[in-house]
């Protein structure tokens, strides 16, 4: 089965960042009063979903950034923007931006893969349920509430007589003769 599933609310485009919001930068940049570190806001290439936001702001992303030398950097999602705190434009240019882009792509790929697996499991479970429901309906349809013709009593009597004649069994009590053995 080579079916492509469209999962509601999911974009096939990897999550990324487009540009920095210049207006959000400190007004004192490139002056003697410029801060060493500040928050830089960047615009996402598409709207994030709940799972992506949780992953971006989660401990795995913090660990990823720390492992690559950015232990003080913090990421927060604010609507269609990513707030990158405790950084600066030079640090972003020199490698942090690439690490963030890599992490966002990994998050998108991981979430998409998990959703596809879940969708396939749901589809398989749905198909199994349809087969089961059809089998139940067929079994229920095979039940008949029609009366059966009465059994031939002579056949039952003959089988009982054969059993008694095989030896050793006691016949039912007979008032006149007492117990009879066969």
Protein backbone atom coordinates (compact mmCIF):
# COMPACT_ATOMS: atom_id res chain seq x y z
CA UNK A 1 0.00 0.00 0.00
CA UNK A 2 1.62 3.22 -1.11
CA UNK A 3 -0.89 5.73 0.19
CA UNK A 4 0.04 9.29 1.07
CA UNK A 5 -1.74 10.54 4.14
CA UNK A 6 -2.61 14.19 4.66
CA UNK A 7 -2.47 14.87 8.35
CA UNK A 8 -4.69 17.71 9.52
CA UNK A 9 -2.88 20.86 10.57
CA UNK A 10 0.46 19.70 9.21
CA UNK A 11 2.48 21.51 6.60
CA UNK A 12 4.86 19.55 4.40
CA UNK A 13 7.28 22.50 4.57
CA UNK A 14 10.07 22.22 7.13
CA UNK A 15 9.94 24.81 9.86
CA UNK A 16 12.60 27.47 9.42
CA UNK A 17 13.39 31.11 10.01
CA UNK A 18 13.19 33.80 7.37
CA UNK A 19 14.52 37.11 8.59
CA UNK A 20 15.37 39.07 11.70
CA UNK A 21 12.98 41.78 12.87
CA UNK A 22 15.26 44.80 12.73
CA UNK A 23 12.84 46.87 14.80
CA UNK A 24 13.21 44.47 17.74
CA UNK A 25 16.97 44.96 18.00
CA UNK A 26 18.42 47.34 20.61
CA UNK A 27 18.61 50.89 19.28
CA UNK A 28 22.17 51.23 20.59
CA UNK A 29 23.70 48.51 18.38
CA UNK A 30 27.03 49.50 16.81
CA UNK A 31 27.50 52.27 19.34
CA UNK A 32 29.57 52.45 22.49
CA UNK A 33 26.49 51.71 24.61
CA UNK A 34 25.51 48.51 22.74
CA UNK A 35 24.83 45.50 24.99
CA UNK A 36 27.01 42.39 24.59
CA UNK A 37 23.99 40.08 24.57
CA UNK A 38 20.36 40.76 23.82
CA UNK A 39 17.25 39.16 22.36
CA UNK A 40 16.97 38.79 18.61
CA UNK A 41 13.58 38.10 17.08
CA UNK A 42 13.36 36.11 13.84
CA UNK A 43 10.27 35.35 11.77
CA UNK A 44 9.26 31.74 11.14
CA UNK A 45 8.76 30.61 7.54
CA UNK A 46 5.34 29.26 8.52
CA UNK A 47 3.03 29.03 11.49
CA UNK A 48 4.21 26.68 14.22
CA UNK A 49 1.98 24.09 15.79
CA UNK A 50 1.67 23.10 19.43
CA UNK A 51 4.08 20.14 19.18
CA UNK A 52 6.72 22.22 17.45
CA UNK A 53 6.47 24.97 20.06
CA UNK A 54 6.87 22.42 22.86
CA UNK A 55 9.94 20.92 21.16
CA UNK A 56 11.54 24.30 20.46
CA UNK A 57 11.12 25.43 24.05
CA UNK A 58 11.86 22.00 25.53
CA UNK A 59 14.85 20.57 27.34
CA UNK A 60 16.10 18.64 24.29
CA UNK A 61 16.61 21.91 22.40
CA UNK A 62 18.37 23.47 25.41
CA UNK A 63 20.63 20.40 25.61
CA UNK A 64 21.29 20.57 21.85
CA UNK A 65 22.33 24.23 22.03
CA UNK A 66 24.47 23.61 25.12
CA UNK A 67 26.21 20.68 23.45
CA UNK A 68 27.16 22.98 20.58
CA UNK A 69 28.55 25.73 22.79
CA UNK A 70 25.48 27.93 23.26
CA UNK A 71 24.56 27.17 26.87
CA UNK A 72 23.29 30.68 27.66
CA UNK A 73 21.02 30.98 24.61
CA UNK A 74 17.28 30.54 25.21
CA UNK A 75 14.56 30.09 22.59
CA UNK A 76 10.95 31.16 23.02
CA UNK A 77 8.13 31.13 20.49
CA UNK A 78 5.92 34.21 20.31
CA UNK A 79 3.26 33.81 17.63
CA UNK A 80 5.11 33.77 14.26
CA UNK A 81 8.41 34.81 15.83
CA UNK A 82 11.27 33.04 17.53
CA UNK A 83 12.82 35.03 20.35
CA UNK A 84 16.49 34.13 20.66
CA UNK A 85 17.58 35.45 24.06
CA UNK A 86 21.11 35.98 25.41
CA UNK A 87 22.80 36.19 22.01
CA UNK A 88 23.90 38.79 19.48
CA UNK A 89 24.01 39.20 15.71
CA UNK A 90 27.67 38.20 15.48
CA UNK A 91 27.07 34.92 17.32
CA UNK A 92 24.09 34.18 15.08
CA UNK A 93 26.13 34.95 11.95
CA UNK A 94 29.09 32.86 13.08
CA UNK A 95 27.19 29.61 13.60
CA UNK A 96 24.27 29.87 16.00
CA UNK A 97 21.80 30.62 13.18
CA UNK A 98 22.86 27.42 11.37
CA UNK A 99 22.49 25.37 14.58
CA UNK A 100 19.01 26.78 15.18
CA UNK A 101 18.03 26.07 11.56
CA UNK A 102 19.31 22.50 11.93
CA UNK A 103 17.38 22.01 15.17
CA UNK A 104 14.15 23.39 13.66
CA UNK A 105 14.49 21.04 10.67
CA UNK A 106 15.13 18.08 12.99
CA UNK A 107 12.04 18.99 15.01
CA UNK A 108 9.91 19.21 11.84
CA UNK A 109 11.19 15.92 10.49
CA UNK A 110 10.74 14.14 13.83
CA UNK A 111 7.21 15.39 14.38
CA UNK A 112 6.20 14.62 10.78
CA UNK A 113 7.59 11.07 11.07
CA UNK A 114 5.81 10.47 14.39
CA UNK A 115 2.53 11.74 12.95
CA UNK A 116 2.86 9.56 9.88
CA UNK A 117 3.49 6.49 12.04
CA UNK A 118 0.45 7.37 14.17
CA UNK A 119 -1.68 7.95 11.08
CA UNK A 120 -0.67 4.59 9.59
CA UNK A 121 -1.39 2.83 12.89
CA UNK A 122 -4.80 4.52 13.01
CA UNK A 123 -5.51 3.50 9.41
CA UNK A 124 -4.44 -0.11 10.11
CA UNK A 125 -6.54 -0.23 13.28
CA UNK A 126 -9.50 1.20 11.35
CA UNK A 127 -9.16 -1.46 8.65
CA UNK A 128 -8.89 -4.24 11.26
CA UNK A 129 -12.00 -2.86 12.96
CA UNK A 130 -13.89 -2.85 9.66
CA UNK A 131 -12.92 -6.51 9.07
CA UNK A 132 -13.93 -7.42 12.63
CA UNK A 133 -17.27 -5.60 12.34
CA UNK A 134 -17.98 -7.36 9.04
CA UNK A 135 -17.19 -10.74 10.64
CA UNK A 136 -19.50 -9.97 13.58
CA UNK A 137 -22.27 -8.93 11.19
CA UNK A 138 -21.81 -12.11 9.15
CA UNK A 139 -21.90 -14.26 12.28
CA UNK A 140 -24.99 -12.46 13.55
CA UNK A 141 -26.59 -12.90 10.13
CA UNK A 142 -26.00 -16.65 10.31
CA UNK A 143 -28.16 -16.94 13.41
CA UNK A 144 -31.65 -18.21 12.62
CA UNK A 145 -34.56 -18.11 15.01
CA UNK A 146 -36.61 -20.53 12.90
CA UNK A 147 -37.90 -23.69 14.57
CA UNK A 148 -36.11 -26.86 13.69
CA UNK A 149 -38.10 -29.95 12.77
CA UNK A 150 -38.51 -32.37 15.69
CA UNK A 151 -35.78 -34.97 15.96
CA UNK A 152 -36.63 -38.53 15.03
CA UNK A 153 -37.24 -40.15 18.41
CA UNK A 154 -36.58 -43.64 17.10
CA UNK A 155 -32.96 -42.71 16.31
CA UNK A 156 -32.36 -41.58 19.89
CA UNK A 157 -34.06 -44.67 21.31
CA UNK A 158 -31.93 -46.92 19.12
CA UNK A 159 -28.71 -45.26 20.24
CA UNK A 160 -29.74 -45.57 23.89
CA UNK A 161 -30.61 -49.23 23.40
CA UNK A 162 -27.21 -49.85 21.76
CA UNK A 163 -25.49 -48.31 24.75
CA UNK A 164 -27.43 -50.47 27.17
CA UNK A 165 -26.72 -53.59 25.06
CA UNK A 166 -22.94 -53.01 25.15
CA UNK A 167 -22.99 -54.53 28.58
CA UNK A 168 -22.70 -53.59 32.15
CA UNK A 169 -25.02 -50.63 32.21
CA UNK A 170 -28.02 -50.66 34.45
CA UNK A 171 -31.41 -50.29 32.92
CA UNK A 172 -33.85 -47.87 34.47
CA UNK A 173 -35.91 -49.15 37.40
CA UNK A 174 -38.75 -51.28 36.40
CA UNK A 175 -41.40 -51.67 39.12
CA UNK A 176 -42.40 -55.16 38.11
CA UNK A 177 -38.99 -56.73 37.53
CA UNK A 178 -36.70 -54.64 39.76
CA UNK A 179 -33.28 -53.74 38.33
CA UNK A 180 -32.40 -55.36 35.06
CA UNK A 181 -28.96 -55.62 33.64
CA UNK A 182 -28.31 -55.86 30.01
